C-alpha atoms as a PDB file:
ATOM      1  CA  MET A   1       4.514  30.661 -23.595  1.00  0.00           C
ATOM      2  CA  ALA A   2       5.424  27.249 -21.859  1.00  0.00           C
ATOM      3  CA  GLN A   3       8.790  26.738 -22.044  1.00  0.00           C
ATOM      4  CA  VAL A   4       9.551  22.881 -23.778  1.00  0.00           C
ATOM      5  CA  ASN A   5      11.878  20.848 -21.878  1.00  0.00           C
ATOM      6  CA  GLU A   6      15.007  20.002 -24.494  1.00  0.00           C
ATOM      7  CA  ASN A   7      15.795  16.956 -22.662  1.00  0.00           C
ATOM      8  CA  LEU A   8      12.601  15.056 -23.623  1.00  0.00           C
ATOM      9  CA  GLN A   9      12.912  12.546 -26.625  1.00  0.00           C
ATOM     10  CA  LYS A  10      10.271  11.774 -29.179  1.00  0.00           C
ATOM     11  CA  LEU A  11       7.222  10.158 -27.907  1.00  0.00           C
ATOM     12  CA  GLU A  12       7.903   7.102 -30.150  1.00  0.00           C
ATOM     13  CA  LYS A  13      11.373   6.547 -28.218  1.00  0.00           C
ATOM     14  CA  TYR A  14       9.039   5.858 -24.811  1.00  0.00           C
ATOM     15  CA  GLU A  15       6.427   3.805 -26.334  1.00  0.00           C
ATOM     16  CA  ALA A  16       9.211   1.565 -27.691  1.00  0.00           C
ATOM     17  CA  SER A  17      10.662   1.351 -24.180  1.00  0.00           C
ATOM     18  CA  LEU A  18       7.416   0.549 -22.334  1.00  0.00           C
ATOM     19  CA  LYS A  19       6.627  -2.247 -25.196  1.00  0.00           C
ATOM     20  CA  GLU A  20      10.249  -3.643 -24.591  1.00  0.00           C
ATOM     21  CA  TRP A  21       9.471  -3.634 -20.675  1.00  0.00           C
ATOM     22  CA  HIS A  22       6.290  -5.374 -21.150  1.00  0.00           C
ATOM     23  CA  ASN A  23       7.839  -8.252 -23.510  1.00  0.00           C
ATOM     24  CA  ARG A  24      10.861  -8.750 -21.579  1.00  0.00           C
ATOM     25  CA  LYS A  25       8.544  -8.901 -18.168  1.00  0.00           C
ATOM     26  CA  PHE A  26       6.070 -11.243 -20.261  1.00  0.00           C
ATOM     27  CA  ALA A  27       8.949 -13.481 -21.131  1.00  0.00           C
ATOM     28  CA  ALA A  28      10.106 -13.615 -17.411  1.00  0.00           C
ATOM     29  CA  ASP A  29       6.762 -14.542 -16.063  1.00  0.00           C
ATOM     30  CA  ARG A  30       6.399 -17.593 -18.749  1.00  0.00           C
ATOM     31  CA  LYS A  31       9.664 -18.961 -17.998  1.00  0.00           C
ATOM     32  CA  GLU A  32       8.714 -18.763 -14.320  1.00  0.00           C
ATOM     33  CA  PHE A  33       5.695 -20.066 -14.897  1.00  0.00           C
ATOM     34  CA  LEU A  34       6.996 -23.056 -17.162  1.00  0.00           C
ATOM     35  CA  GLU A  35       9.574 -23.750 -14.487  1.00  0.00           C
ATOM     36  CA  THR A  36       7.112 -24.032 -11.393  1.00  0.00           C
ATOM     37  CA  THR A  37       4.429 -26.110 -13.120  1.00  0.00           C
ATOM     38  CA  LYS A  38       7.139 -28.831 -14.149  1.00  0.00           C
ATOM     39  CA  LYS A  39       6.236 -31.746 -12.286  1.00  0.00           C
ATOM     40  CA  LYS A  40       9.169 -34.653 -11.727  1.00  0.00           C
ATOM     41  CA  TRP A  41       7.779 -38.189 -11.932  1.00  0.00           C
ATOM     42  CA  TRP A  42       7.848 -39.218  -8.414  1.00  0.00           C
ATOM     43  CA  TYR A  43       5.540 -36.215  -7.187  1.00  0.00           C
ATOM     44  CA  TYR A  44       2.835 -38.618  -8.358  1.00  0.00           C
ATOM     45  CA  LEU A  45       3.840 -41.434  -6.247  1.00  0.00           C
ATOM     46  CA  PRO A  46       1.473 -42.350  -2.902  1.00  0.00           C
ATOM     47  CA  ASN A  47       2.373 -40.283  -0.034  1.00  0.00           C
ATOM     48  CA  VAL A  48       4.405 -43.082   1.990  1.00  0.00           C
ATOM     49  CA  GLY A  49       5.957 -41.999   5.249  1.00  0.00           C
ATOM     50  CA  ILE A  50       8.436 -42.958   7.602  1.00  0.00           C
ATOM     51  CA  THR A  51       8.590 -42.835  11.819  1.00  0.00           C
ATOM     52  CA  LEU A  52      11.045 -42.999  14.038  1.00  0.00           C
ATOM     53  CA  GLY A  53      11.316 -43.582  17.866  1.00  0.00           C
ATOM     54  CA  MET A  54      10.796 -41.851  20.676  1.00  0.00           C
ATOM     55  CA  PRO A  55      10.771 -38.697  20.526  1.00  0.00           C
ATOM     56  CA  THR A  56       8.651 -39.445  17.354  1.00  0.00           C
ATOM     57  CA  ILE A  57      10.634 -38.136  13.973  1.00  0.00           C
ATOM     58  CA  SER A  58       8.785 -38.431  10.763  1.00  0.00           C
ATOM     59  CA  THR A  59       8.830 -37.646   7.119  1.00  0.00           C
ATOM     60  CA  ASN A  60       6.939 -38.494   3.794  1.00  0.00           C
ATOM     61  CA  THR A  61       7.276 -37.924  -0.075  1.00  0.00           C
ATOM     62  CA  GLY A  62       4.712 -35.236  -0.087  1.00  0.00           C
ATOM     63  CA  THR A  63       7.359 -32.955   2.399  1.00  0.00           C
ATOM     64  CA  LEU A  64      10.298 -33.924   0.108  1.00  0.00           C
ATOM     65  CA  ALA A  65       8.294 -33.023  -3.049  1.00  0.00           C
ATOM     66  CA  GLN A  66       7.354 -29.931  -1.359  1.00  0.00           C
ATOM     67  CA  ILE A  67      10.782 -28.725  -0.520  1.00  0.00           C
ATOM     68  CA  ASP A  68      11.949 -29.754  -4.165  1.00  0.00           C
ATOM     69  CA  ARG A  69       8.913 -27.411  -4.992  1.00  0.00           C
ATOM     70  CA  ASP A  70       9.727 -24.742  -3.239  1.00  0.00           C
ATOM     71  CA  ARG A  71      13.670 -24.794  -4.746  1.00  0.00           C
ATOM     72  CA  GLN A  72      12.435 -25.059  -8.226  1.00  0.00           C
ATOM     73  CA  THR A  73      10.103 -21.895  -7.439  1.00  0.00           C
ATOM     74  CA  LYS A  74      12.887 -19.907  -5.547  1.00  0.00           C
ATOM     75  CA  LYS A  75      15.173 -20.482  -8.939  1.00  0.00           C
ATOM     76  CA  ALA A  76      12.914 -19.821 -11.400  1.00  0.00           C
ATOM     77  CA  LYS A  77      11.966 -16.566  -9.597  1.00  0.00           C
ATOM     78  CA  LEU A  78      15.732 -15.751  -9.779  1.00  0.00           C
ATOM     79  CA  GLU A  79      15.999 -16.856 -13.371  1.00  0.00           C
ATOM     80  CA  ALA A  80      13.265 -14.505 -14.117  1.00  0.00           C
ATOM     81  CA  LEU A  81      14.673 -11.458 -12.855  1.00  0.00           C
END
């Protein structure tokens, strides 16, 4: 007859642990989604840019919005962890 490992817990305990893990993962993913899909009012402005002399240096509002979006995404991912 096979020897039963005395360190194993009841199946219900493992099921509860798995359910808790899925619930926490879902909550973290949802929070990350909500944070990354928020848009500030200036994201909807037309893309206006500026260019300066020689050598040419240029930027526009789209670049600034992308930088902010990247920061917001990183922040949300860290908070979700």
